Amino acid sequence: MRHVIKKEEVAAAWVSQDRDHARTPTGNFSFTGFDRLYSYSTCIASRIETKKKQDVIFVTSYSYSVTTNAQLSILNDLLRRLNHTPIIWTPDSCPTTTSDLPGVWKDLVAQASELWTKASRARQNKPHLLQQGNNSLTQANKLVELFGADVVKGVKADTIEQLQEELRINEAILELAS
């Protein structure tokens, strides 16, 4: 089995786990093992198994170089087509263990809050920013749904309720605007 392959094949091999390592001819898109996918030396996607033995793929939504963004695009297109594994888009992290997940949850909530704040000041892109913020909080909710309450351990219940209320309000605003 070849291990130096095209970038589309690297993404497909990592997602399908049909080989334990692969890379592009230039070496800028690669994986060794099934837990992380790299662009150059930066982890851009990772895989963590839930207690129910279900794989969840985490993909960074952070914008990098043109090459890395192209690799992320290939991966995202592939994941959307396959649509069999839960995917969580993270602001800037590549979690590798469940102990990393509370930090991912906090990052997603902070991103949602930042986007909602920008939307409140925006003159033109308000609906787009609200939707992006809503998407971030939806990803945080999905994380808790997949991995359980340990993800938000130590977070006050009223904080979570407040975030959910903000999400409902913003979804209503977007519905009215459309």
N, C-alpha and C. Protein backbone atom coordinates (compact mmCIF):
# COMPACT_ATOMS: atom_id res chain seq x y z
N MET A 1 0.85 -1.18 0.00
CA MET A 1 0.00 0.00 0.00
C MET A 1 0.89 1.24 0.00
N ARG A 2 0.59 2.16 -0.91
CA ARG A 2 1.38 3.40 -0.99
C ARG A 2 1.04 4.31 0.17
N HIS A 3 2.05 5.04 0.66
CA HIS A 3 1.82 5.99 1.75
C HIS A 3 2.10 7.43 1.33
N VAL A 4 2.68 7.61 0.15
CA VAL A 4 2.86 8.95 -0.42
C VAL A 4 1.79 9.08 -1.49
N ILE A 5 0.79 9.91 -1.21
CA ILE A 5 -0.39 9.96 -2.06
C ILE A 5 -0.86 11.41 -2.25
N LYS A 6 -1.85 11.60 -3.10
CA LYS A 6 -2.42 12.93 -3.35
C LYS A 6 -3.13 13.45 -2.10
N LYS A 7 -3.25 14.79 -2.01
CA LYS A 7 -3.86 15.38 -0.81
C LYS A 7 -5.30 14.92 -0.59
N GLU A 8 -6.06 14.73 -1.67
CA GLU A 8 -7.43 14.24 -1.52
C GLU A 8 -7.44 12.84 -0.90
N GLU A 9 -6.45 12.05 -1.30
CA GLU A 9 -6.35 10.69 -0.77
C GLU A 9 -5.89 10.67 0.68
N VAL A 10 -5.05 11.64 1.06
CA VAL A 10 -4.61 11.73 2.46
C VAL A 10 -5.83 11.97 3.35
N ALA A 11 -6.65 12.93 2.98
CA ALA A 11 -7.86 13.23 3.77
C ALA A 11 -8.78 12.01 3.83
N ALA A 12 -8.99 11.37 2.70
CA ALA A 12 -9.88 10.20 2.66
C ALA A 12 -9.33 9.05 3.49
N ALA A 13 -8.02 8.83 3.43
CA ALA A 13 -7.41 7.73 4.19
C ALA A 13 -7.50 8.00 5.69
N TRP A 14 -7.33 9.26 6.10
CA TRP A 14 -7.43 9.59 7.53
C TRP A 14 -8.86 9.40 8.02
N VAL A 15 -9.83 9.89 7.27
CA VAL A 15 -11.23 9.78 7.67
C VAL A 15 -11.66 8.31 7.73
N SER A 16 -11.30 7.55 6.71
CA SER A 16 -11.74 6.15 6.65
C SER A 16 -10.89 5.21 7.51
N GLN A 17 -9.74 5.68 7.96
CA GLN A 17 -8.82 4.89 8.78
C GLN A 17 -8.38 3.62 8.08
N ASP A 18 -8.19 3.68 6.76
CA ASP A 18 -7.81 2.47 6.04
C ASP A 18 -6.29 2.26 5.97
N ARG A 19 -5.53 3.18 6.51
CA ARG A 19 -4.08 2.99 6.66
C ARG A 19 -3.61 3.79 7.86
N ASP A 20 -2.50 3.40 8.44
CA ASP A 20 -2.08 4.03 9.70
C ASP A 20 -1.22 5.27 9.50
N HIS A 21 -0.76 5.53 8.28
CA HIS A 21 -0.05 6.78 8.00
C HIS A 21 -0.05 7.05 6.51
N ALA A 22 0.05 8.33 6.18
CA ALA A 22 0.12 8.76 4.78
C ALA A 22 0.56 10.21 4.75
N ARG A 23 1.06 10.62 3.58
CA ARG A 23 1.46 12.01 3.39
C ARG A 23 1.44 12.35 1.91
N THR A 24 1.44 13.64 1.64
CA THR A 24 1.55 14.10 0.26
C THR A 24 3.02 14.02 -0.15
N PRO A 25 3.32 14.12 -1.46
CA PRO A 25 4.72 14.08 -1.89
C PRO A 25 5.57 15.19 -1.25
N THR A 26 4.97 16.34 -1.00
CA THR A 26 5.72 17.43 -0.37
C THR A 26 5.78 17.30 1.15
N GLY A 27 4.96 16.41 1.70
CA GLY A 27 4.95 16.18 3.14
C GLY A 27 4.18 17.21 3.94
N ASN A 28 3.48 18.12 3.25
CA ASN A 28 2.79 19.18 3.98
C ASN A 28 1.38 18.81 4.45
N PHE A 29 0.91 17.63 4.15
CA PHE A 29 -0.41 17.14 4.57
C PHE A 29 -0.22 15.68 4.95
N SER A 30 -0.41 15.35 6.23
CA SER A 30 -0.02 14.01 6.66
C SER A 30 -0.72 13.58 7.95
N PHE A 31 -0.59 12.30 8.23
CA PHE A 31 -1.00 11.76 9.52
C PHE A 31 -0.19 10.51 9.81
N THR A 32 0.03 10.27 11.09
CA THR A 32 0.63 9.05 11.58
C THR A 32 -0.28 8.59 12.71
N GLY A 33 -0.96 7.51 12.53
CA GLY A 33 -1.99 7.11 13.49
C GLY A 33 -3.31 7.73 13.09
N PHE A 34 -4.34 7.43 13.84
CA PHE A 34 -5.67 7.87 13.45
C PHE A 34 -6.19 9.06 14.22
N ASP A 35 -5.43 9.54 15.20
CA ASP A 35 -5.98 10.58 16.06
C ASP A 35 -5.82 12.00 15.53
N ARG A 36 -4.80 12.31 14.72
CA ARG A 36 -4.58 13.69 14.27
C ARG A 36 -4.19 13.76 12.80
N LEU A 37 -4.67 14.85 12.17
CA LEU A 37 -4.33 15.15 10.78
C LEU A 37 -3.58 16.47 10.77
N TYR A 38 -2.48 16.52 10.05
CA TYR A 38 -1.60 17.70 10.09
C TYR A 38 -1.49 18.39 8.74
N SER A 39 -1.38 19.71 8.82
CA SER A 39 -0.96 20.52 7.69
C SER A 39 0.37 21.12 8.14
N TYR A 40 1.41 20.81 7.41
CA TYR A 40 2.77 21.11 7.86
C TYR A 40 2.92 20.47 9.25
N SER A 41 3.20 21.23 10.29
CA SER A 41 3.30 20.63 11.63
C SER A 41 2.14 21.03 12.53
N THR A 42 1.11 21.62 11.94
CA THR A 42 -0.06 22.08 12.70
C THR A 42 -1.19 21.08 12.61
N CYS A 43 -1.71 20.70 13.76
CA CYS A 43 -2.86 19.80 13.77
C CYS A 43 -4.10 20.58 13.31
N ILE A 44 -4.76 20.08 12.28
CA ILE A 44 -5.96 20.76 11.77
C ILE A 44 -7.23 19.94 12.02
N ALA A 45 -7.06 18.69 12.41
CA ALA A 45 -8.22 17.84 12.71
C ALA A 45 -7.77 16.74 13.67
N SER A 46 -8.71 16.35 14.52
CA SER A 46 -8.42 15.27 15.45
C SER A 46 -9.67 14.41 15.62
N ARG A 47 -9.45 13.26 16.23
CA ARG A 47 -10.54 12.31 16.40
C ARG A 47 -10.51 11.85 17.86
N ILE A 48 -11.66 11.90 18.52
CA ILE A 48 -11.79 11.41 19.90
C ILE A 48 -13.00 10.50 19.96
N GLU A 49 -12.88 9.43 20.69
CA GLU A 49 -13.97 8.46 20.84
C GLU A 49 -14.79 8.79 22.09
N THR A 50 -16.11 8.74 21.96
CA THR A 50 -17.00 8.98 23.09
C THR A 50 -17.06 7.72 23.97
N LYS A 51 -17.72 7.85 25.11
CA LYS A 51 -17.90 6.69 26.00
C LYS A 51 -18.72 5.60 25.31
N LYS A 52 -19.54 6.00 24.34
CA LYS A 52 -20.36 5.04 23.60
C LYS A 52 -19.63 4.47 22.39
N LYS A 53 -18.31 4.70 22.35
CA LYS A 53 -17.44 4.18 21.27
C LYS A 53 -17.76 4.75 19.90
N GLN A 54 -18.21 6.01 19.88
CA GLN A 54 -18.49 6.69 18.62
C GLN A 54 -17.38 7.71 18.38
N ASP A 55 -16.79 7.69 17.19
CA ASP A 55 -15.77 8.68 16.84
C ASP A 55 -16.41 10.03 16.58
N VAL A 56 -15.75 11.07 17.06
CA VAL A 56 -16.15 12.45 16.77
C VAL A 56 -14.91 13.13 16.18
N ILE A 57 -15.10 13.81 15.07
CA ILE A 57 -13.99 14.50 14.42
C ILE A 57 -14.08 15.99 14.75
N PHE A 58 -12.96 16.53 15.18
CA PHE A 58 -12.83 17.96 15.48
C PHE A 58 -11.99 18.58 14.37
N VAL A 59 -12.53 19.63 13.75
CA VAL A 59 -11.83 20.31 12.66
C VAL A 59 -11.71 21.78 13.04
N THR A 60 -10.52 22.32 12.89
CA THR A 60 -10.34 23.73 13.22
C THR A 60 -11.04 24.61 12.19
N SER A 61 -11.63 25.69 12.66
CA SER A 61 -12.26 26.65 11.75
C SER A 61 -11.37 27.89 11.61
N TYR A 62 -10.20 27.82 12.19
CA TYR A 62 -9.24 28.93 12.12
C TYR A 62 -8.68 29.01 10.71
N SER A 63 -8.41 30.20 10.24
CA SER A 63 -7.89 30.39 8.90
C SER A 63 -6.36 30.43 8.93
N TYR A 64 -5.75 29.62 8.09
CA TYR A 64 -4.30 29.53 8.03
C TYR A 64 -3.81 30.01 6.67
N SER A 65 -2.75 29.38 6.18
CA SER A 65 -2.19 29.71 4.87
C SER A 65 -3.11 29.24 3.76
N VAL A 66 -2.81 29.65 2.55
CA VAL A 66 -3.60 29.25 1.40
C VAL A 66 -3.58 27.72 1.26
N THR A 67 -2.41 27.12 1.45
CA THR A 67 -2.28 25.66 1.33
C THR A 67 -3.10 24.95 2.39
N THR A 68 -2.97 25.38 3.64
CA THR A 68 -3.71 24.74 4.73
C THR A 68 -5.20 24.93 4.55
N ASN A 69 -5.62 26.12 4.13
CA ASN A 69 -7.04 26.35 3.88
C ASN A 69 -7.56 25.44 2.77
N ALA A 70 -6.75 25.20 1.76
CA ALA A 70 -7.15 24.28 0.68
C ALA A 70 -7.29 22.86 1.23
N GLN A 71 -6.38 22.45 2.10
CA GLN A 71 -6.46 21.12 2.71
C GLN A 71 -7.70 21.00 3.60
N LEU A 72 -7.98 22.06 4.37
CA LEU A 72 -9.19 22.07 5.20
C LEU A 72 -10.44 21.98 4.34
N SER A 73 -10.42 22.65 3.21
CA SER A 73 -11.56 22.61 2.30
C SER A 73 -11.79 21.18 1.77
N ILE A 74 -10.72 20.50 1.40
CA ILE A 74 -10.82 19.12 0.94
C ILE A 74 -11.41 18.24 2.04
N LEU A 75 -10.89 18.41 3.26
CA LEU A 75 -11.38 17.62 4.39
C LEU A 75 -12.85 17.91 4.67
N ASN A 76 -13.22 19.19 4.73
CA ASN A 76 -14.61 19.57 5.00
C ASN A 76 -15.56 19.05 3.93
N ASP A 77 -15.17 19.15 2.66
CA ASP A 77 -16.00 18.62 1.58
C ASP A 77 -16.20 17.12 1.73
N LEU A 78 -15.14 16.42 2.05
CA LEU A 78 -15.21 14.98 2.23
C LEU A 78 -16.12 14.62 3.40
N LEU A 79 -15.95 15.31 4.52
CA LEU A 79 -16.76 15.03 5.70
C LEU A 79 -18.24 15.32 5.45
N ARG A 80 -18.53 16.38 4.73
CA ARG A 80 -19.94 16.70 4.42
C ARG A 80 -20.56 15.64 3.52
N ARG A 81 -19.78 15.14 2.56
CA ARG A 81 -20.29 14.10 1.66
C ARG A 81 -20.54 12.79 2.41
N LEU A 82 -19.64 12.42 3.28
CA LEU A 82 -19.77 11.15 4.00
C LEU A 82 -20.86 11.21 5.05
N ASN A 83 -20.89 12.31 5.80
CA ASN A 83 -21.97 12.60 6.75
C ASN A 83 -22.32 11.44 7.68
N HIS A 84 -21.33 10.69 8.13
CA HIS A 84 -21.62 9.58 9.03
C HIS A 84 -20.97 9.74 10.41
N THR A 85 -20.05 10.65 10.52
CA THR A 85 -19.34 10.87 11.77
C THR A 85 -19.67 12.26 12.28
N PRO A 86 -20.01 12.39 13.56
CA PRO A 86 -20.24 13.74 14.09
C PRO A 86 -18.98 14.60 13.95
N ILE A 87 -19.18 15.85 13.59
CA ILE A 87 -18.08 16.78 13.38
C ILE A 87 -18.32 18.01 14.24
N ILE A 88 -17.27 18.45 14.88
CA ILE A 88 -17.33 19.70 15.64
C ILE A 88 -16.24 20.61 15.10
N TRP A 89 -16.65 21.80 14.66
CA TRP A 89 -15.69 22.78 14.18
C TRP A 89 -15.27 23.63 15.37
N THR A 90 -13.98 23.68 15.63
CA THR A 90 -13.45 24.39 16.80
C THR A 90 -12.74 25.66 16.36
N PRO A 91 -12.76 26.69 17.22
CA PRO A 91 -12.13 27.96 16.84
C PRO A 91 -10.64 27.84 16.56
N ASP A 92 -9.89 27.17 17.42
CA ASP A 92 -8.45 27.18 17.23
C ASP A 92 -7.78 26.03 17.95
N SER A 93 -8.48 24.95 18.15
CA SER A 93 -7.86 23.88 18.92
C SER A 93 -8.00 22.55 18.21
N CYS A 94 -7.16 21.64 18.63
CA CYS A 94 -7.15 20.30 18.06
C CYS A 94 -7.11 19.34 19.25
N PRO A 95 -8.24 19.13 19.91
CA PRO A 95 -8.23 18.31 21.12
C PRO A 95 -7.84 16.87 20.81
N THR A 96 -7.11 16.28 21.75
CA THR A 96 -6.67 14.90 21.54
C THR A 96 -7.19 13.95 22.61
N THR A 97 -7.67 14.50 23.73
CA THR A 97 -8.24 13.66 24.78
C THR A 97 -9.50 14.33 25.32
N THR A 98 -10.32 13.57 26.02
CA THR A 98 -11.54 14.14 26.58
C THR A 98 -11.23 15.22 27.61
N SER A 99 -10.05 15.19 28.20
CA SER A 99 -9.71 16.24 29.17
C SER A 99 -9.51 17.60 28.49
N ASP A 100 -9.33 17.63 27.18
CA ASP A 100 -9.22 18.88 26.42
C ASP A 100 -10.58 19.51 26.13
N LEU A 101 -11.66 18.75 26.27
CA LEU A 101 -12.97 19.19 25.81
C LEU A 101 -13.57 20.37 26.57
N PRO A 102 -13.38 20.49 27.90
CA PRO A 102 -13.88 21.70 28.56
C PRO A 102 -13.28 22.98 27.97
N GLY A 103 -12.01 22.93 27.59
CA GLY A 103 -11.38 24.09 26.94
C GLY A 103 -11.99 24.38 25.58
N VAL A 104 -12.31 23.33 24.84
CA VAL A 104 -12.96 23.50 23.53
C VAL A 104 -14.33 24.13 23.73
N TRP A 105 -15.08 23.64 24.73
CA TRP A 105 -16.40 24.20 25.01
C TRP A 105 -16.29 25.69 25.33
N LYS A 106 -15.35 26.05 26.18
CA LYS A 106 -15.15 27.47 26.54
C LYS A 106 -14.76 28.29 25.33
N ASP A 107 -13.91 27.75 24.46
CA ASP A 107 -13.52 28.46 23.23
C ASP A 107 -14.72 28.71 22.33
N LEU A 108 -15.58 27.70 22.19
CA LEU A 108 -16.77 27.85 21.34
C LEU A 108 -17.73 28.89 21.92
N VAL A 109 -17.92 28.87 23.23
CA VAL A 109 -18.81 29.84 23.88
C VAL A 109 -18.23 31.25 23.75
N ALA A 110 -16.91 31.39 23.95
CA ALA A 110 -16.27 32.70 23.82
C ALA A 110 -16.41 33.21 22.38
N GLN A 111 -16.25 32.31 21.41
CA GLN A 111 -16.40 32.71 20.01
C GLN A 111 -17.83 33.18 19.74
N ALA A 112 -18.82 32.45 20.26
CA ALA A 112 -20.22 32.85 20.07
C ALA A 112 -20.46 34.23 20.66
N SER A 113 -19.98 34.44 21.87
CA SER A 113 -20.17 35.72 22.55
C SER A 113 -19.52 36.86 21.77
N GLU A 114 -18.31 36.62 21.28
CA GLU A 114 -17.59 37.64 20.51
C GLU A 114 -18.35 37.98 19.22
N LEU A 115 -18.86 36.97 18.55
CA LEU A 115 -19.60 37.20 17.31
C LEU A 115 -20.91 37.93 17.57
N TRP A 116 -21.60 37.57 18.65
CA TRP A 116 -22.84 38.27 18.98
C TRP A 116 -22.57 39.73 19.33
N THR A 117 -21.45 39.99 20.01
CA THR A 117 -21.08 41.38 20.33
C THR A 117 -20.80 42.16 19.05
N LYS A 118 -20.06 41.55 18.14
CA LYS A 118 -19.80 42.20 16.84
C LYS A 118 -21.11 42.46 16.10
N ALA A 119 -22.02 41.51 16.16
CA ALA A 119 -23.31 41.67 15.47
C ALA A 119 -24.10 42.85 16.04
N SER A 120 -23.99 43.05 17.34
CA SER A 120 -24.75 44.14 17.96
C SER A 120 -24.25 45.51 17.49
N ARG A 121 -22.98 45.57 17.03
CA ARG A 121 -22.41 46.84 16.55
C ARG A 121 -22.40 46.93 15.03
N ALA A 122 -22.71 45.83 14.36
CA ALA A 122 -22.56 45.77 12.90
C ALA A 122 -23.64 46.58 12.20
N ARG A 123 -23.25 47.20 11.11
CA ARG A 123 -24.20 47.93 10.28
C ARG A 123 -24.66 47.09 9.10
N GLN A 124 -23.77 46.20 8.62
CA GLN A 124 -24.11 45.45 7.41
C GLN A 124 -24.22 43.95 7.63
N ASN A 125 -23.32 43.36 8.32
CA ASN A 125 -23.25 41.90 8.40
C ASN A 125 -23.92 41.31 9.63
N LYS A 126 -24.87 42.02 10.21
CA LYS A 126 -25.50 41.56 11.44
C LYS A 126 -26.07 40.14 11.34
N PRO A 127 -26.90 39.82 10.34
CA PRO A 127 -27.44 38.46 10.26
C PRO A 127 -26.35 37.39 10.14
N HIS A 128 -25.35 37.69 9.34
CA HIS A 128 -24.25 36.73 9.15
C HIS A 128 -23.50 36.50 10.47
N LEU A 129 -23.19 37.56 11.20
CA LEU A 129 -22.48 37.43 12.47
C LEU A 129 -23.34 36.72 13.52
N LEU A 130 -24.63 37.04 13.57
CA LEU A 130 -25.53 36.33 14.49
C LEU A 130 -25.56 34.85 14.19
N GLN A 131 -25.64 34.50 12.90
CA GLN A 131 -25.67 33.09 12.50
C GLN A 131 -24.38 32.38 12.87
N GLN A 132 -23.25 33.04 12.66
CA GLN A 132 -21.97 32.44 13.03
C GLN A 132 -21.89 32.21 14.54
N GLY A 133 -22.35 33.19 15.31
CA GLY A 133 -22.38 33.03 16.77
C GLY A 133 -23.28 31.89 17.18
N ASN A 134 -24.45 31.81 16.57
CA ASN A 134 -25.39 30.72 16.84
C ASN A 134 -24.75 29.37 16.49
N ASN A 135 -24.04 29.32 15.37
CA ASN A 135 -23.38 28.08 14.97
C ASN A 135 -22.34 27.65 16.00
N SER A 136 -21.60 28.62 16.54
CA SER A 136 -20.59 28.29 17.56
C SER A 136 -21.25 27.71 18.80
N LEU A 137 -22.34 28.31 19.24
CA LEU A 137 -23.00 27.78 20.44
C LEU A 137 -23.65 26.43 20.15
N THR A 138 -24.14 26.25 18.95
CA THR A 138 -24.70 24.95 18.56
C THR A 138 -23.62 23.88 18.62
N GLN A 139 -22.41 24.21 18.18
CA GLN A 139 -21.29 23.27 18.26
C GLN A 139 -20.96 22.95 19.72
N ALA A 140 -21.02 23.96 20.60
CA ALA A 140 -20.78 23.74 22.03
C ALA A 140 -21.84 22.81 22.62
N ASN A 141 -23.09 23.02 22.22
CA ASN A 141 -24.18 22.14 22.67
C ASN A 141 -23.98 20.70 22.18
N LYS A 142 -23.55 20.58 20.94
CA LYS A 142 -23.31 19.27 20.35
C LYS A 142 -22.20 18.53 21.10
N LEU A 143 -21.19 19.29 21.51
CA LEU A 143 -20.08 18.72 22.28
C LEU A 143 -20.58 18.11 23.59
N VAL A 144 -21.45 18.84 24.29
CA VAL A 144 -22.01 18.35 25.55
C VAL A 144 -22.91 17.14 25.28
N GLU A 145 -23.68 17.20 24.22
CA GLU A 145 -24.58 16.10 23.86
C GLU A 145 -23.79 14.80 23.59
N LEU A 146 -22.65 14.93 22.92
CA LEU A 146 -21.85 13.76 22.55
C LEU A 146 -21.00 13.23 23.69
N PHE A 147 -20.46 14.13 24.52
CA PHE A 147 -19.49 13.70 25.53
C PHE A 147 -20.00 13.82 26.97
N GLY A 148 -21.19 14.38 27.16
CA GLY A 148 -21.77 14.41 28.49
C GLY A 148 -21.45 15.66 29.29
N ALA A 149 -21.99 15.70 30.48
CA ALA A 149 -21.93 16.88 31.35
C ALA A 149 -20.53 17.19 31.84
N ASP A 150 -19.61 16.23 31.79
CA ASP A 150 -18.24 16.51 32.24
C ASP A 150 -17.61 17.66 31.45
N VAL A 151 -18.06 17.88 30.23
CA VAL A 151 -17.53 18.94 29.39
C VAL A 151 -17.77 20.31 30.03
N VAL A 152 -18.90 20.46 30.72
CA VAL A 152 -19.24 21.76 31.33
C VAL A 152 -19.14 21.72 32.85
N LYS A 153 -18.42 20.75 33.36
CA LYS A 153 -18.25 20.62 34.81
C LYS A 153 -17.64 21.91 35.36
N GLY A 154 -18.25 22.43 36.40
CA GLY A 154 -17.75 23.67 37.01
C GLY A 154 -18.36 24.94 36.45
N VAL A 155 -19.14 24.82 35.37
CA VAL A 155 -19.81 25.99 34.80
C VAL A 155 -21.16 26.12 35.48
N LYS A 156 -21.48 27.32 35.89
CA LYS A 156 -22.75 27.55 36.59
C LYS A 156 -23.93 27.29 35.66
N ALA A 157 -24.96 26.66 36.21
CA ALA A 157 -26.15 26.31 35.43
C ALA A 157 -26.81 27.56 34.84
N ASP A 158 -26.82 28.67 35.59
CA ASP A 158 -27.46 29.88 35.06
C ASP A 158 -26.67 30.45 33.88
N THR A 159 -25.37 30.22 33.83
CA THR A 159 -24.58 30.66 32.68
C THR A 159 -25.01 29.88 31.44
N ILE A 160 -25.19 28.59 31.58
CA ILE A 160 -25.62 27.76 30.46
C ILE A 160 -27.02 28.15 30.01
N GLU A 161 -27.92 28.37 30.96
CA GLU A 161 -29.29 28.80 30.63
C GLU A 161 -29.29 30.14 29.91
N GLN A 162 -28.43 31.05 30.36
CA GLN A 162 -28.34 32.37 29.73
C GLN A 162 -27.87 32.24 28.28
N LEU A 163 -26.90 31.38 28.04
CA LEU A 163 -26.40 31.16 26.68
C LEU A 163 -27.49 30.57 25.79
N GLN A 164 -28.26 29.62 26.33
CA GLN A 164 -29.33 29.01 25.54
C GLN A 164 -30.41 30.05 25.20
N GLU A 165 -30.71 30.92 26.15
CA GLU A 165 -31.70 31.98 25.91
C GLU A 165 -31.20 32.93 24.82
N GLU A 166 -29.92 33.29 24.88
CA GLU A 166 -29.32 34.16 23.87
C GLU A 166 -29.43 33.51 22.49
N LEU A 167 -29.19 32.21 22.42
CA LEU A 167 -29.31 31.49 21.17
C LEU A 167 -30.74 31.54 20.64
N ARG A 168 -31.72 31.30 21.51
CA ARG A 168 -33.13 31.34 21.08
C ARG A 168 -33.51 32.74 20.57
N ILE A 169 -33.06 33.77 21.27
CA ILE A 169 -33.36 35.14 20.85
C ILE A 169 -32.76 35.43 19.49
N ASN A 170 -31.48 35.07 19.31
CA ASN A 170 -30.82 35.34 18.04
C ASN A 170 -31.44 34.56 16.88
N GLU A 171 -31.86 33.34 17.15
CA GLU A 171 -32.53 32.56 16.10
C GLU A 171 -33.87 33.22 15.72
N ALA A 172 -34.57 33.76 16.70
CA ALA A 172 -35.83 34.46 16.41
C ALA A 172 -35.57 35.71 15.59
N ILE A 173 -34.51 36.45 15.93
CA ILE A 173 -34.15 37.66 15.17
C ILE A 173 -33.84 37.29 13.73
N LEU A 174 -33.08 36.23 13.54
CA LEU A 174 -32.73 35.80 12.17
C LEU A 174 -33.96 35.36 11.39
N GLU A 175 -34.89 34.69 12.07
CA GLU A 175 -36.11 34.25 11.40
C GLU A 175 -36.95 35.44 10.97
N LEU A 176 -37.02 36.45 11.82
CA LEU A 176 -37.77 37.66 11.46
C LEU A 176 -37.12 38.41 10.31
N ALA A 177 -35.79 38.38 10.27
CA ALA A 177 -35.06 39.11 9.23
C ALA A 177 -35.18 38.44 7.87
N SER A 178 -35.47 37.15 7.85
CA SER A 178 -35.52 36.45 6.54
C SER A 178 -36.89 36.49 5.90
